[in-house]
Amino acid sequence: MITQKWFERSQMYQELAQESVERGRYDFSCYAAQQAVEFFLRGLLIAKTGAKPYSHSLTMLVEALANTGIEVPVHVTDCARVLGEHYLQARYPDARLDDYSKSEALEAVRCMEVMIHFLREIYSGTS
């Protein structure tokens, strides 16, 4: 199943996000956390709608999920906003003035875990 490949890639990024915090690679941890959620969301949306969304915006992807009739809690949408910032800022060294901190990386991993937990519950209800 094609969605399984999206979920497997999400799992890879989840592991990289956690490992990167431990290695002090805080920017990469934030980016990997964003990617983990993006890949899981895409896989879930493909499973639910049959179509692959083309946005990298977690906020837009969460809105697309809500448009399928799923009620998305505020803490999940808040985490989508937190993680969404990292798609560009963590990828490009000149996209922000300050270096990433350990607390930012830990917050990104926490948000990743919150969102993945929610998305897994949705997916288990559709399969």
PDB file of N, CA and C in Angstrom:
ATOM      1  N   MET A   1       0.842  -1.180   0.000  1.00  0.00           N
ATOM      2  CA  MET A   1       0.000   0.000   0.000  1.00  0.00           C
ATOM      3  C   MET A   1       0.889   1.246   0.000  1.00  0.00           C
ATOM      4  N   ILE A   2       0.571   2.214  -0.862  1.00  0.00           N
ATOM      5  CA  ILE A   2       1.389   3.410  -1.015  1.00  0.00           C
ATOM      6  C   ILE A   2       1.441   4.244   0.259  1.00  0.00           C
ATOM      7  N   THR A   3       0.350   4.268   1.015  1.00  0.00           N
ATOM      8  CA  THR A   3       0.353   5.071   2.243  1.00  0.00           C
ATOM      9  C   THR A   3       1.372   4.539   3.245  1.00  0.00           C
ATOM     10  N   GLN A   4       1.619   3.249   3.229  1.00  0.00           N
ATOM     11  CA  GLN A   4       2.583   2.668   4.155  1.00  0.00           C
ATOM     12  C   GLN A   4       3.975   3.268   3.952  1.00  0.00           C
ATOM     13  N   LYS A   5       4.324   3.581   2.717  1.00  0.00           N
ATOM     14  CA  LYS A   5       5.623   4.192   2.449  1.00  0.00           C
ATOM     15  C   LYS A   5       5.730   5.577   3.086  1.00  0.00           C
ATOM     16  N   TRP A   6       4.628   6.314   3.072  1.00  0.00           N
ATOM     17  CA  TRP A   6       4.605   7.624   3.715  1.00  0.00           C
ATOM     18  C   TRP A   6       4.787   7.465   5.220  1.00  0.00           C
ATOM     19  N   PHE A   7       4.123   6.483   5.807  1.00  0.00           N
ATOM     20  CA  PHE A   7       4.221   6.258   7.252  1.00  0.00           C
ATOM     21  C   PHE A   7       5.614   5.771   7.645  1.00  0.00           C
ATOM     22  N   GLU A   8       6.220   4.949   6.812  1.00  0.00           N
ATOM     23  CA  GLU A   8       7.579   4.471   7.086  1.00  0.00           C
ATOM     24  C   GLU A   8       8.581   5.632   7.056  1.00  0.00           C
ATOM     25  N   ARG A   9       8.417   6.524   6.088  1.00  0.00           N
ATOM     26  CA  ARG A   9       9.308   7.680   6.013  1.00  0.00           C
ATOM     27  C   ARG A   9       9.094   8.590   7.221  1.00  0.00           C
ATOM     28  N   SER A  10       7.834   8.734   7.634  1.00  0.00           N
ATOM     29  CA  SER A  10       7.529   9.506   8.840  1.00  0.00           C
ATOM     30  C   SER A  10       8.265   8.921  10.041  1.00  0.00           C
ATOM     31  N   GLN A  11       8.237   7.612  10.171  1.00  0.00           N
ATOM     32  CA  GLN A  11       8.917   6.950  11.294  1.00  0.00           C
ATOM     33  C   GLN A  11      10.420   7.214  11.256  1.00  0.00           C
ATOM     34  N   MET A  12      10.997   7.207  10.070  1.00  0.00           N
ATOM     35  CA  MET A  12      12.424   7.493   9.929  1.00  0.00           C
ATOM     36  C   MET A  12      12.728   8.905  10.430  1.00  0.00           C
ATOM     37  N   TYR A  13      11.911   9.872  10.026  1.00  0.00           N
ATOM     38  CA  TYR A  13      12.126  11.251  10.467  1.00  0.00           C
ATOM     39  C   TYR A  13      11.887  11.404  11.969  1.00  0.00           C
ATOM     40  N   GLN A  14      10.940  10.669  12.528  1.00  0.00           N
ATOM     41  CA  GLN A  14      10.718  10.717  13.976  1.00  0.00           C
ATOM     42  C   GLN A  14      11.983  10.294  14.720  1.00  0.00           C
ATOM     43  N   GLU A  15      12.574   9.206  14.266  1.00  0.00           N
ATOM     44  CA  GLU A  15      13.801   8.715  14.898  1.00  0.00           C
ATOM     45  C   GLU A  15      14.941   9.716  14.738  1.00  0.00           C
ATOM     46  N   LEU A  16      15.052  10.305  13.558  1.00  0.00           N
ATOM     47  CA  LEU A  16      16.110  11.298  13.318  1.00  0.00           C
ATOM     48  C   LEU A  16      15.923  12.539  14.186  1.00  0.00           C
ATOM     49  N   ALA A  17      14.679  12.957  14.379  1.00  0.00           N
ATOM     50  CA  ALA A  17      14.408  14.130  15.215  1.00  0.00           C
ATOM     51  C   ALA A  17      14.883  13.881  16.644  1.00  0.00           C
ATOM     52  N   GLN A  18      14.565  12.707  17.168  1.00  0.00           N
ATOM     53  CA  GLN A  18      14.956  12.385  18.539  1.00  0.00           C
ATOM     54  C   GLN A  18      16.474  12.215  18.665  1.00  0.00           C
ATOM     55  N   GLU A  19      17.072  11.514  17.729  1.00  0.00           N
ATOM     56  CA  GLU A  19      18.518  11.308  17.762  1.00  0.00           C
ATOM     57  C   GLU A  19      19.269  12.628  17.624  1.00  0.00           C
ATOM     58  N   SER A  20      18.746  13.536  16.823  1.00  0.00           N
ATOM     59  CA  SER A  20      19.420  14.809  16.577  1.00  0.00           C
ATOM     60  C   SER A  20      19.455  15.686  17.819  1.00  0.00           C
ATOM     61  N   VAL A  21      18.419  15.618  18.648  1.00  0.00           N
ATOM     62  CA  VAL A  21      18.449  16.363  19.914  1.00  0.00           C
ATOM     63  C   VAL A  21      19.611  15.857  20.752  1.00  0.00           C
ATOM     64  N   GLU A  22      19.735  14.551  20.846  1.00  0.00           N
ATOM     65  CA  GLU A  22      20.798  13.953  21.665  1.00  0.00           C
ATOM     66  C   GLU A  22      22.189  14.319  21.157  1.00  0.00           C
ATOM     67  N   ARG A  23      22.310  14.547  19.858  1.00  0.00           N
ATOM     68  CA  ARG A  23      23.614  14.875  19.270  1.00  0.00           C
ATOM     69  C   ARG A  23      23.868  16.382  19.211  1.00  0.00           C
ATOM     70  N   GLY A  24      22.909  17.172  19.686  1.00  0.00           N
ATOM     71  CA  GLY A  24      23.080  18.618  19.665  1.00  0.00           C
ATOM     72  C   GLY A  24      22.829  19.257  18.320  1.00  0.00           C
ATOM     73  N   ARG A  25      22.188  18.554  17.438  1.00  0.00           N
ATOM     74  CA  ARG A  25      21.856  19.081  16.101  1.00  0.00           C
ATOM     75  C   ARG A  25      20.415  19.599  16.139  1.00  0.00           C
ATOM     76  N   TYR A  26      20.255  20.718  16.813  1.00  0.00           N
ATOM     77  CA  TYR A  26      18.915  21.206  17.129  1.00  0.00           C
ATOM     78  C   TYR A  26      18.147  21.674  15.900  1.00  0.00           C
ATOM     79  N   ASP A  27      18.839  22.287  14.950  1.00  0.00           N
ATOM     80  CA  ASP A  27      18.158  22.703  13.734  1.00  0.00           C
ATOM     81  C   ASP A  27      17.636  21.486  12.967  1.00  0.00           C
ATOM     82  N   PHE A  28      18.459  20.468  12.850  1.00  0.00           N
ATOM     83  CA  PHE A  28      18.024  19.286  12.122  1.00  0.00           C
ATOM     84  C   PHE A  28      16.911  18.556  12.859  1.00  0.00           C
ATOM     85  N   SER A  29      16.957  18.563  14.179  1.00  0.00           N
ATOM     86  CA  SER A  29      15.895  17.947  14.961  1.00  0.00           C
ATOM     87  C   SER A  29      14.559  18.611  14.667  1.00  0.00           C
ATOM     88  N   CYS A  30      14.548  19.935  14.615  1.00  0.00           N
ATOM     89  CA  CYS A  30      13.309  20.668  14.331  1.00  0.00           C
ATOM     90  C   CYS A  30      12.815  20.379  12.922  1.00  0.00           C
ATOM     91  N   TYR A  31      13.737  20.354  11.963  1.00  0.00           N
ATOM     92  CA  TYR A  31      13.352  20.049  10.581  1.00  0.00           C
ATOM     93  C   TYR A  31      12.813  18.623  10.473  1.00  0.00           C
ATOM     94  N   ALA A  32      13.480  17.669  11.083  1.00  0.00           N
ATOM     95  CA  ALA A  32      13.037  16.271  11.007  1.00  0.00           C
ATOM     96  C   ALA A  32      11.683  16.094  11.685  1.00  0.00           C
ATOM     97  N   ALA A  33      11.440  16.811  12.775  1.00  0.00           N
ATOM     98  CA  ALA A  33      10.140  16.732  13.442  1.00  0.00           C
ATOM     99  C   ALA A  33       9.042  17.237  12.521  1.00  0.00           C
ATOM    100  N   GLN A  34       9.305  18.339  11.822  1.00  0.00           N
ATOM    101  CA  GLN A  34       8.324  18.870  10.864  1.00  0.00           C
ATOM    102  C   GLN A  34       8.079  17.863   9.749  1.00  0.00           C
ATOM    103  N   GLN A  35       9.138  17.287   9.231  1.00  0.00           N
ATOM    104  CA  GLN A  35       9.005  16.314   8.141  1.00  0.00           C
ATOM    105  C   GLN A  35       8.258  15.057   8.580  1.00  0.00           C
ATOM    106  N   ALA A  36       8.509  14.606   9.798  1.00  0.00           N
ATOM    107  CA  ALA A  36       7.811  13.419  10.311  1.00  0.00           C
ATOM    108  C   ALA A  36       6.313  13.632  10.288  1.00  0.00           C
ATOM    109  N   VAL A  37       5.877  14.797  10.729  1.00  0.00           N
ATOM    110  CA  VAL A  37       4.441  15.093  10.744  1.00  0.00           C
ATOM    111  C   VAL A  37       3.919  15.280   9.326  1.00  0.00           C
ATOM    112  N   GLU A  38       4.667  15.987   8.497  1.00  0.00           N
ATOM    113  CA  GLU A  38       4.222  16.205   7.116  1.00  0.00           C
ATOM    114  C   GLU A  38       4.027  14.876   6.383  1.00  0.00           C
ATOM    115  N   PHE A  39       4.963  13.967   6.524  1.00  0.00           N
ATOM    116  CA  PHE A  39       4.846  12.683   5.836  1.00  0.00           C
ATOM    117  C   PHE A  39       3.668  11.875   6.367  1.00  0.00           C
ATOM    118  N   PHE A  40       3.455  11.885   7.676  1.00  0.00           N
ATOM    119  CA  PHE A  40       2.320  11.129   8.221  1.00  0.00           C
ATOM    120  C   PHE A  40       1.009  11.752   7.768  1.00  0.00           C
ATOM    121  N   LEU A  41       0.929  13.078   7.805  1.00  0.00           N
ATOM    122  CA  LEU A  41      -0.284  13.763   7.359  1.00  0.00           C
ATOM    123  C   LEU A  41      -0.584  13.465   5.892  1.00  0.00           C
ATOM    124  N   ARG A  42       0.424  13.512   5.050  1.00  0.00           N
ATOM    125  CA  ARG A  42       0.223  13.195   3.629  1.00  0.00           C
ATOM    126  C   ARG A  42      -0.297  11.769   3.449  1.00  0.00           C
ATOM    127  N   GLY A  43       0.323  10.831   4.137  1.00  0.00           N
ATOM    128  CA  GLY A  43      -0.131   9.448   4.035  1.00  0.00           C
ATOM    129  C   GLY A  43      -1.566   9.289   4.487  1.00  0.00           C
ATOM    130  N   LEU A  44      -1.917   9.954   5.585  1.00  0.00           N
ATOM    131  CA  LEU A  44      -3.282   9.888   6.093  1.00  0.00           C
ATOM    132  C   LEU A  44      -4.266  10.513   5.115  1.00  0.00           C
ATOM    133  N   LEU A  45      -3.906  11.659   4.551  1.00  0.00           N
ATOM    134  CA  LEU A  45      -4.792  12.305   3.579  1.00  0.00           C
ATOM    135  C   LEU A  45      -4.952  11.476   2.313  1.00  0.00           C
ATOM    136  N   ILE A  46      -3.891  10.823   1.895  1.00  0.00           N
ATOM    137  CA  ILE A  46      -3.997   9.920   0.736  1.00  0.00           C
ATOM    138  C   ILE A  46      -4.956   8.775   1.064  1.00  0.00           C
ATOM    139  N   ALA A  47      -4.824   8.217   2.261  1.00  0.00           N
ATOM    140  CA  ALA A  47      -5.707   7.115   2.672  1.00  0.00           C
ATOM    141  C   ALA A  47      -7.161   7.562   2.738  1.00  0.00           C
ATOM    142  N   LYS A  48      -7.404   8.778   3.206  1.00  0.00           N
ATOM    143  CA  LYS A  48      -8.769   9.254   3.391  1.00  0.00           C
ATOM    144  C   LYS A  48      -9.399   9.782   2.104  1.00  0.00           C
ATOM    145  N   THR A  49      -8.601  10.421   1.245  1.00  0.00           N
ATOM    146  CA  THR A  49      -9.174  11.098   0.079  1.00  0.00           C
ATOM    147  C   THR A  49      -8.761  10.490  -1.259  1.00  0.00           C
ATOM    148  N   GLY A  50      -7.683   9.723  -1.263  1.00  0.00           N
ATOM    149  CA  GLY A  50      -7.183   9.174  -2.512  1.00  0.00           C
ATOM    150  C   GLY A  50      -6.321  10.154  -3.292  1.00  0.00           C
ATOM    151  N   ALA A  51      -6.165  11.371  -2.765  1.00  0.00           N
ATOM    152  CA  ALA A  51      -5.376  12.395  -3.455  1.00  0.00           C
ATOM    153  C   ALA A  51      -4.188  12.802  -2.592  1.00  0.00           C
ATOM    154  N   LYS A  52      -3.094  13.155  -3.257  1.00  0.00           N
ATOM    155  CA  LYS A  52      -1.891  13.593  -2.551  1.00  0.00           C
ATOM    156  C   LYS A  52      -1.849  15.116  -2.530  1.00  0.00           C
ATOM    157  N   PRO A  53      -1.887  15.716  -1.346  1.00  0.00           N
ATOM    158  CA  PRO A  53      -1.806  17.174  -1.271  1.00  0.00           C
ATOM    159  C   PRO A  53      -0.398  17.642  -1.615  1.00  0.00           C
ATOM    160  N   TYR A  54      -0.295  18.837  -2.177  1.00  0.00           N
ATOM    161  CA  TYR A  54       1.009  19.323  -2.616  1.00  0.00           C
ATOM    162  C   TYR A  54       1.572  20.458  -1.774  1.00  0.00           C
ATOM    163  N   SER A  55       0.953  20.775  -0.670  1.00  0.00           N
ATOM    164  CA  SER A  55       1.449  21.830   0.205  1.00  0.00           C
ATOM    165  C   SER A  55       2.435  21.251   1.219  1.00  0.00           C
ATOM    166  N   HIS A  56       3.413  22.077   1.591  1.00  0.00           N
ATOM    167  CA  HIS A  56       4.322  21.709   2.678  1.00  0.00           C
ATOM    168  C   HIS A  56       3.862  22.319   3.996  1.00  0.00           C
ATOM    169  N   SER A  57       2.836  23.156   3.946  1.00  0.00           N
ATOM    170  CA  SER A  57       2.340  23.833   5.136  1.00  0.00           C
ATOM    171  C   SER A  57       1.558  22.862   6.012  1.00  0.00           C
ATOM    172  N   LEU A  58       2.051  22.637   7.226  1.00  0.00           N
ATOM    173  CA  LEU A  58       1.326  21.744   8.132  1.00  0.00           C
ATOM    174  C   LEU A  58      -0.043  22.311   8.469  1.00  0.00           C
ATOM    175  N   THR A  59      -0.142  23.623   8.571  1.00  0.00           N
ATOM    176  CA  THR A  59      -1.433  24.248   8.847  1.00  0.00           C
ATOM    177  C   THR A  59      -2.425  23.939   7.731  1.00  0.00           C
ATOM    178  N   MET A  60      -1.990  24.052   6.479  1.00  0.00           N
ATOM    179  CA  MET A  60      -2.878  23.753   5.351  1.00  0.00           C
ATOM    180  C   MET A  60      -3.222  22.264   5.294  1.00  0.00           C
ATOM    181  N   LEU A  61      -2.257  21.412   5.612  1.00  0.00           N
ATOM    182  CA  LEU A  61      -2.532  19.977   5.604  1.00  0.00           C
ATOM    183  C   LEU A  61      -3.508  19.598   6.713  1.00  0.00           C
ATOM    184  N   VAL A  62      -3.389  20.231   7.872  1.00  0.00           N
ATOM    185  CA  VAL A  62      -4.331  19.981   8.962  1.00  0.00           C
ATOM    186  C   VAL A  62      -5.720  20.489   8.570  1.00  0.00           C
ATOM    187  N   GLU A  63      -5.780  21.626   7.882  1.00  0.00           N
ATOM    188  CA  GLU A  63      -7.065  22.131   7.397  1.00  0.00           C
ATOM    189  C   GLU A  63      -7.684  21.150   6.405  1.00  0.00           C
ATOM    190  N   ALA A  64      -6.865  20.568   5.542  1.00  0.00           N
ATOM    191  CA  ALA A  64      -7.365  19.575   4.594  1.00  0.00           C
ATOM    192  C   ALA A  64      -7.926  18.365   5.332  1.00  0.00           C
ATOM    193  N   LEU A  65      -7.264  17.977   6.413  1.00  0.00           N
ATOM    194  CA  LEU A  65      -7.761  16.871   7.227  1.00  0.00           C
ATOM    195  C   LEU A  65      -9.094  17.243   7.863  1.00  0.00           C
ATOM    196  N   ALA A  66      -9.187  18.461   8.388  1.00  0.00           N
ATOM    197  CA  ALA A  66     -10.438  18.929   8.997  1.00  0.00           C
ATOM    198  C   ALA A  66     -11.565  18.954   7.962  1.00  0.00           C
ATOM    199  N   ASN A  67     -11.224  19.240   6.710  1.00  0.00           N
ATOM    200  CA  ASN A  67     -12.229  19.272   5.648  1.00  0.00           C
ATOM    201  C   ASN A  67     -12.786  17.892   5.322  1.00  0.00           C
ATOM    202  N   THR A  68     -12.157  16.846   5.828  1.00  0.00           N
ATOM    203  CA  THR A  68     -12.687  15.487   5.623  1.00  0.00           C
ATOM    204  C   THR A  68     -13.674  15.110   6.729  1.00  0.00           C
ATOM    205  N   GLY A  69     -13.918  16.046   7.646  1.00  0.00           N
ATOM    206  CA  GLY A  69     -14.856  15.789   8.732  1.00  0.00           C
ATOM    207  C   GLY A  69     -14.217  15.448  10.055  1.00  0.00           C
ATOM    208  N   ILE A  70     -12.883  15.471  10.117  1.00  0.00           N
ATOM    209  CA  ILE A  70     -12.156  15.171  11.355  1.00  0.00           C
ATOM    210  C   ILE A  70     -12.113  16.442  12.207  1.00  0.00           C
ATOM    211  N   GLU A  71     -12.466  16.323  13.468  1.00  0.00           N
ATOM    212  CA  GLU A  71     -12.341  17.448  14.385  1.00  0.00           C
ATOM    213  C   GLU A  71     -10.919  17.451  14.935  1.00  0.00           C
ATOM    214  N   VAL A  72     -10.208  18.520  14.638  1.00  0.00           N
ATOM    215  CA  VAL A  72      -8.807  18.634  15.040  1.00  0.00           C
ATOM    216  C   VAL A  72      -8.730  19.521  16.284  1.00  0.00           C
ATOM    217  N   PRO A  73      -8.231  18.982  17.390  1.00  0.00           N
ATOM    218  CA  PRO A  73      -8.137  19.770  18.628  1.00  0.00           C
ATOM    219  C   PRO A  73      -7.182  20.955  18.491  1.00  0.00           C
ATOM    220  N   VAL A  74      -7.420  21.967  19.286  1.00  0.00           N
ATOM    221  CA  VAL A  74      -6.609  23.183  19.254  1.00  0.00           C
ATOM    222  C   VAL A  74      -5.137  22.884  19.541  1.00  0.00           C
ATOM    223  N   HIS A  75      -4.849  21.993  20.494  1.00  0.00           N
ATOM    224  CA  HIS A  75      -3.435  21.723  20.802  1.00  0.00           C
ATOM    225  C   HIS A  75      -2.713  21.093  19.605  1.00  0.00           C
ATOM    226  N   VAL A  76      -3.437  20.408  18.746  1.00  0.00           N
ATOM    227  CA  VAL A  76      -2.832  19.828  17.544  1.00  0.00           C
ATOM    228  C   VAL A  76      -2.570  20.927  16.510  1.00  0.00           C
ATOM    229  N   THR A  77      -3.535  21.816  16.316  1.00  0.00           N
ATOM    230  CA  THR A  77      -3.323  22.918  15.367  1.00  0.00           C
ATOM    231  C   THR A  77      -2.224  23.856  15.869  1.00  0.00           C
ATOM    232  N   ASP A  78      -2.142  24.049  17.186  1.00  0.00           N
ATOM    233  CA  ASP A  78      -1.052  24.866  17.742  1.00  0.00           C
ATOM    234  C   ASP A  78       0.299  24.238  17.421  1.00  0.00           C
ATOM    235  N   CYS A  79       0.400  22.938  17.570  1.00  0.00           N
ATOM    236  CA  CYS A  79       1.655  22.246  17.255  1.00  0.00           C
ATOM    237  C   CYS A  79       1.968  22.311  15.767  1.00  0.00           C
ATOM    238  N   ALA A  80       0.951  22.282  14.932  1.00  0.00           N
ATOM    239  CA  ALA A  80       1.176  22.417  13.485  1.00  0.00           C
ATOM    240  C   ALA A  80       1.815  23.769  13.176  1.00  0.00           C
ATOM    241  N   ARG A  81       1.364  24.811  13.864  1.00  0.00           N
ATOM    242  CA  ARG A  81       1.959  26.140  13.661  1.00  0.00           C
ATOM    243  C   ARG A  81       3.408  26.173  14.158  1.00  0.00           C
ATOM    244  N   VAL A  82       3.653  25.597  15.322  1.00  0.00           N
ATOM    245  CA  VAL A  82       5.014  25.565  15.874  1.00  0.00           C
ATOM    246  C   VAL A  82       5.958  24.845  14.907  1.00  0.00           C
ATOM    247  N   LEU A  83       5.564  23.670  14.467  1.00  0.00           N
ATOM    248  CA  LEU A  83       6.423  22.880  13.581  1.00  0.00           C
ATOM    249  C   LEU A  83       6.540  23.493  12.190  1.00  0.00           C
ATOM    250  N   GLY A  84       5.492  24.144  11.740  1.00  0.00           N
ATOM    251  CA  GLY A  84       5.497  24.740  10.405  1.00  0.00           C
ATOM    252  C   GLY A  84       6.601  25.756  10.208  1.00  0.00           C
ATOM    253  N   GLU A  85       6.957  26.436  11.272  1.00  0.00           N
ATOM    254  CA  GLU A  85       8.026  27.439  11.193  1.00  0.00           C
ATOM    255  C   GLU A  85       9.371  26.817  10.818  1.00  0.00           C
ATOM    256  N   HIS A  86       9.532  25.561  11.133  1.00  0.00           N
ATOM    257  CA  HIS A  86      10.835  24.927  10.951  1.00  0.00           C
ATOM    258  C   HIS A  86      11.084  24.427   9.532  1.00  0.00           C
ATOM    259  N   TYR A  87      10.041  24.379   8.707  1.00  0.00           N
ATOM    260  CA  TYR A  87      10.235  23.858   7.348  1.00  0.00           C
ATOM    261  C   TYR A  87      11.290  24.670   6.603  1.00  0.00           C
ATOM    262  N   LEU A  88      11.215  25.991   6.691  1.00  0.00           N
ATOM    263  CA  LEU A  88      12.217  26.821   6.020  1.00  0.00           C
ATOM    264  C   LEU A  88      13.357  27.229   6.943  1.00  0.00           C
ATOM    265  N   GLN A  89      13.018  27.636   8.160  1.00  0.00           N
ATOM    266  CA  GLN A  89      14.040  28.171   9.055  1.00  0.00           C
ATOM    267  C   GLN A  89      15.137  27.164   9.387  1.00  0.00           C
ATOM    268  N   ALA A  90      14.777  25.911   9.567  1.00  0.00           N
ATOM    269  CA  ALA A  90      15.783  24.909   9.932  1.00  0.00           C
ATOM    270  C   ALA A  90      16.556  24.403   8.721  1.00  0.00           C
ATOM    271  N   ARG A  91      16.011  24.601   7.545  1.00  0.00           N
ATOM    272  CA  ARG A  91      16.681  24.103   6.338  1.00  0.00           C
ATOM    273  C   ARG A  91      17.787  25.025   5.849  1.00  0.00           C
ATOM    274  N   TYR A  92      17.582  26.323   6.025  1.00  0.00           N
ATOM    275  CA  TYR A  92      18.505  27.289   5.438  1.00  0.00           C
ATOM    276  C   TYR A  92      19.246  28.048   6.529  1.00  0.00           C
ATOM    277  N   PRO A  93      20.580  28.032   6.501  1.00  0.00           N
ATOM    278  CA  PRO A  93      21.357  28.631   7.579  1.00  0.00           C
ATOM    279  C   PRO A  93      21.176  30.144   7.712  1.00  0.00           C
ATOM    280  N   ASP A  94      20.702  30.817   6.670  1.00  0.00           N
ATOM    281  CA  ASP A  94      20.521  32.265   6.756  1.00  0.00           C
ATOM    282  C   ASP A  94      19.046  32.664   6.879  1.00  0.00           C
ATOM    283  N   ALA A  95      18.195  31.712   7.243  1.00  0.00           N
ATOM    284  CA  ALA A  95      16.765  31.994   7.336  1.00  0.00           C
ATOM    285  C   ALA A  95      16.361  32.589   8.679  1.00  0.00           C
ATOM    286  N   ARG A  96      17.270  32.602   9.635  1.00  0.00           N
ATOM    287  CA  ARG A  96      16.991  33.202  10.945  1.00  0.00           C
ATOM    288  C   ARG A  96      18.268  33.757  11.531  1.00  0.00           C
ATOM    289  N   LEU A  97      18.122  34.635  12.504  1.00  0.00           N
ATOM    290  CA  LEU A  97      19.284  35.301  13.095  1.00  0.00           C
ATOM    291  C   LEU A  97      19.985  34.467  14.150  1.00  0.00           C
ATOM    292  N   ASP A  98      19.205  33.739  14.962  1.00  0.00           N
ATOM    293  CA  ASP A  98      19.771  32.973  16.074  1.00  0.00           C
ATOM    294  C   ASP A  98      19.880  31.498  15.734  1.00  0.00           C
ATOM    295  N   ASP A  99      20.855  30.853  16.379  1.00  0.00           N
ATOM    296  CA  ASP A  99      20.975  29.406  16.252  1.00  0.00           C
ATOM    297  C   ASP A  99      19.818  28.743  16.994  1.00  0.00           C
ATOM    298  N   TYR A 100      19.503  27.554  16.593  1.00  0.00           N
ATOM    299  CA  TYR A 100      18.473  26.783  17.290  1.00  0.00           C
ATOM    300  C   TYR A 100      18.970  26.372  18.666  1.00  0.00           C
ATOM    301  N   SER A 101      18.058  26.312  19.600  1.00  0.00           N
ATOM    302  CA  SER A 101      18.401  25.923  20.971  1.00  0.00           C
ATOM    303  C   SER A 101      17.862  24.531  21.276  1.00  0.00           C
ATOM    304  N   LYS A 102      18.392  23.963  22.340  1.00  0.00           N
ATOM    305  CA  LYS A 102      17.914  22.655  22.780  1.00  0.00           C
ATOM    306  C   LYS A 102      16.435  22.727  23.160  1.00  0.00           C
ATOM    307  N   SER A 103      16.011  23.799  23.801  1.00  0.00           N
ATOM    308  CA  SER A 103      14.603  23.903  24.199  1.00  0.00           C
ATOM    309  C   SER A 103      13.688  23.965  22.983  1.00  0.00           C
ATOM    310  N   GLU A 104      14.114  24.619  21.905  1.00  0.00           N
ATOM    311  CA  GLU A 104      13.312  24.632  20.677  1.00  0.00           C
ATOM    312  C   GLU A 104      13.210  23.228  20.085  1.00  0.00           C
ATOM    313  N   ALA A 105      14.321  22.523  20.098  1.00  0.00           N
ATOM    314  CA  ALA A 105      14.318  21.163  19.558  1.00  0.00           C
ATOM    315  C   ALA A 105      13.427  20.251  20.392  1.00  0.00           C
ATOM    316  N   LEU A 106      13.510  20.387  21.707  1.00  0.00           N
ATOM    317  CA  LEU A 106      12.657  19.562  22.577  1.00  0.00           C
ATOM    318  C   LEU A 106      11.182  19.884  22.363  1.00  0.00           C
ATOM    319  N   GLU A 107      10.867  21.164  22.165  1.00  0.00           N
ATOM    320  CA  GLU A 107       9.481  21.556  21.898  1.00  0.00           C
ATOM    321  C   GLU A 107       9.014  20.996  20.548  1.00  0.00           C
ATOM    322  N   ALA A 108       9.882  21.019  19.559  1.00  0.00           N
ATOM    323  CA  ALA A 108       9.526  20.462  18.249  1.00  0.00           C
ATOM    324  C   ALA A 108       9.263  18.964  18.353  1.00  0.00           C
ATOM    325  N   VAL A 109      10.098  18.254  19.077  1.00  0.00           N
ATOM    326  CA  VAL A 109       9.903  16.808  19.261  1.00  0.00           C
ATOM    327  C   VAL A 109       8.606  16.546  20.029  1.00  0.00           C
ATOM    328  N   ARG A 110       8.339  17.357  21.037  1.00  0.00           N
ATOM    329  CA  ARG A 110       7.094  17.200  21.792  1.00  0.00           C
ATOM    330  C   ARG A 110       5.883  17.404  20.881  1.00  0.00           C
ATOM    331  N   CYS A 111       5.914  18.449  20.072  1.00  0.00           N
ATOM    332  CA  CYS A 111       4.807  18.709  19.153  1.00  0.00           C
ATOM    333  C   CYS A 111       4.678  17.589  18.118  1.00  0.00           C
ATOM    334  N   MET A 112       5.807  17.093  17.654  1.00  0.00           N
ATOM    335  CA  MET A 112       5.777  15.979  16.717  1.00  0.00           C
ATOM    336  C   MET A 112       5.059  14.788  17.351  1.00  0.00           C
ATOM    337  N   GLU A 113       5.407  14.479  18.584  1.00  0.00           N
ATOM    338  CA  GLU A 113       4.794  13.338  19.268  1.00  0.00           C
ATOM    339  C   GLU A 113       3.297  13.558  19.487  1.00  0.00           C
ATOM    340  N   VAL A 114       2.900  14.767  19.851  1.00  0.00           N
ATOM    341  CA  VAL A 114       1.481  15.098  20.029  1.00  0.00           C
ATOM    342  C   VAL A 114       0.723  14.877  18.727  1.00  0.00           C
ATOM    343  N   MET A 115       1.274  15.401  17.645  1.00  0.00           N
ATOM    344  CA  MET A 115       0.579  15.307  16.357  1.00  0.00           C
ATOM    345  C   MET A 115       0.554  13.876  15.829  1.00  0.00           C
ATOM    346  N   ILE A 116       1.667  13.177  15.912  1.00  0.00           N
ATOM    347  CA  ILE A 116       1.717  11.801  15.413  1.00  0.00           C
ATOM    348  C   ILE A 116       0.753  10.927  16.204  1.00  0.00           C
ATOM    349  N   HIS A 117       0.679  11.115  17.507  1.00  0.00           N
ATOM    350  CA  HIS A 117      -0.263  10.347  18.330  1.00  0.00           C
ATOM    351  C   HIS A 117      -1.698  10.589  17.847  1.00  0.00           C
ATOM    352  N   PHE A 118      -2.068  11.832  17.635  1.00  0.00           N
ATOM    353  CA  PHE A 118      -3.401  12.172  17.153  1.00  0.00           C
ATOM    354  C   PHE A 118      -3.651  11.556  15.773  1.00  0.00           C
ATOM    355  N   LEU A 119      -2.698  11.696  14.879  1.00  0.00           N
ATOM    356  CA  LEU A 119      -2.865  11.193  13.507  1.00  0.00           C
ATOM    357  C   LEU A 119      -2.946   9.671  13.472  1.00  0.00           C
ATOM    358  N   ARG A 120      -2.190   9.005  14.314  1.00  0.00           N
ATOM    359  CA  ARG A 120      -2.269   7.536  14.381  1.00  0.00           C
ATOM    360  C   ARG A 120      -3.658   7.086  14.825  1.00  0.00           C
ATOM    361  N   GLU A 121      -4.231   7.798  15.802  1.00  0.00           N
ATOM    362  CA  GLU A 121      -5.579   7.463  16.254  1.00  0.00           C
ATOM    363  C   GLU A 121      -6.587   7.632  15.113  1.00  0.00           C
ATOM    364  N   ILE A 122      -6.447   8.675  14.343  1.00  0.00           N
ATOM    365  CA  ILE A 122      -7.329   8.896  13.188  1.00  0.00           C
ATOM    366  C   ILE A 122      -7.148   7.763  12.183  1.00  0.00           C
ATOM    367  N   TYR A 123      -5.885   7.442  11.890  1.00  0.00           N
ATOM    368  CA  TYR A 123      -5.621   6.394  10.900  1.00  0.00           C
ATOM    369  C   TYR A 123      -6.159   5.040  11.367  1.00  0.00           C
ATOM    370  N   SER A 124      -5.989   4.710  12.620  1.00  0.00           N
ATOM    371  CA  SER A 124      -6.461   3.409  13.104  1.00  0.00           C
ATOM    372  C   SER A 124      -7.980   3.320  13.012  1.00  0.00           C
ATOM    373  N   GLY A 125      -8.662   4.443  13.047  1.00  0.00           N
ATOM    374  CA  GLY A 125     -10.112   4.460  12.897  1.00  0.00           C
ATOM    375  C   GLY A 125     -10.569   4.342  11.458  1.00  0.00           C
ATOM    376  N   THR A 126      -9.655   4.563  10.490  1.00  0.00           N
ATOM    377  CA  THR A 126     -10.036   4.495   9.075  1.00  0.00           C
ATOM    378  C   THR A 126      -9.647   3.176   8.428  1.00  0.00           C
ATOM    379  N   SER A 127      -8.742   2.445   9.057  1.00  0.00           N
ATOM    380  CA  SER A 127      -8.265   1.205   8.408  1.00  0.00           C
ATOM    381  C   SER A 127      -9.054  -0.006   8.827  1.00  0.00           C
TER     382      SER A 127
END
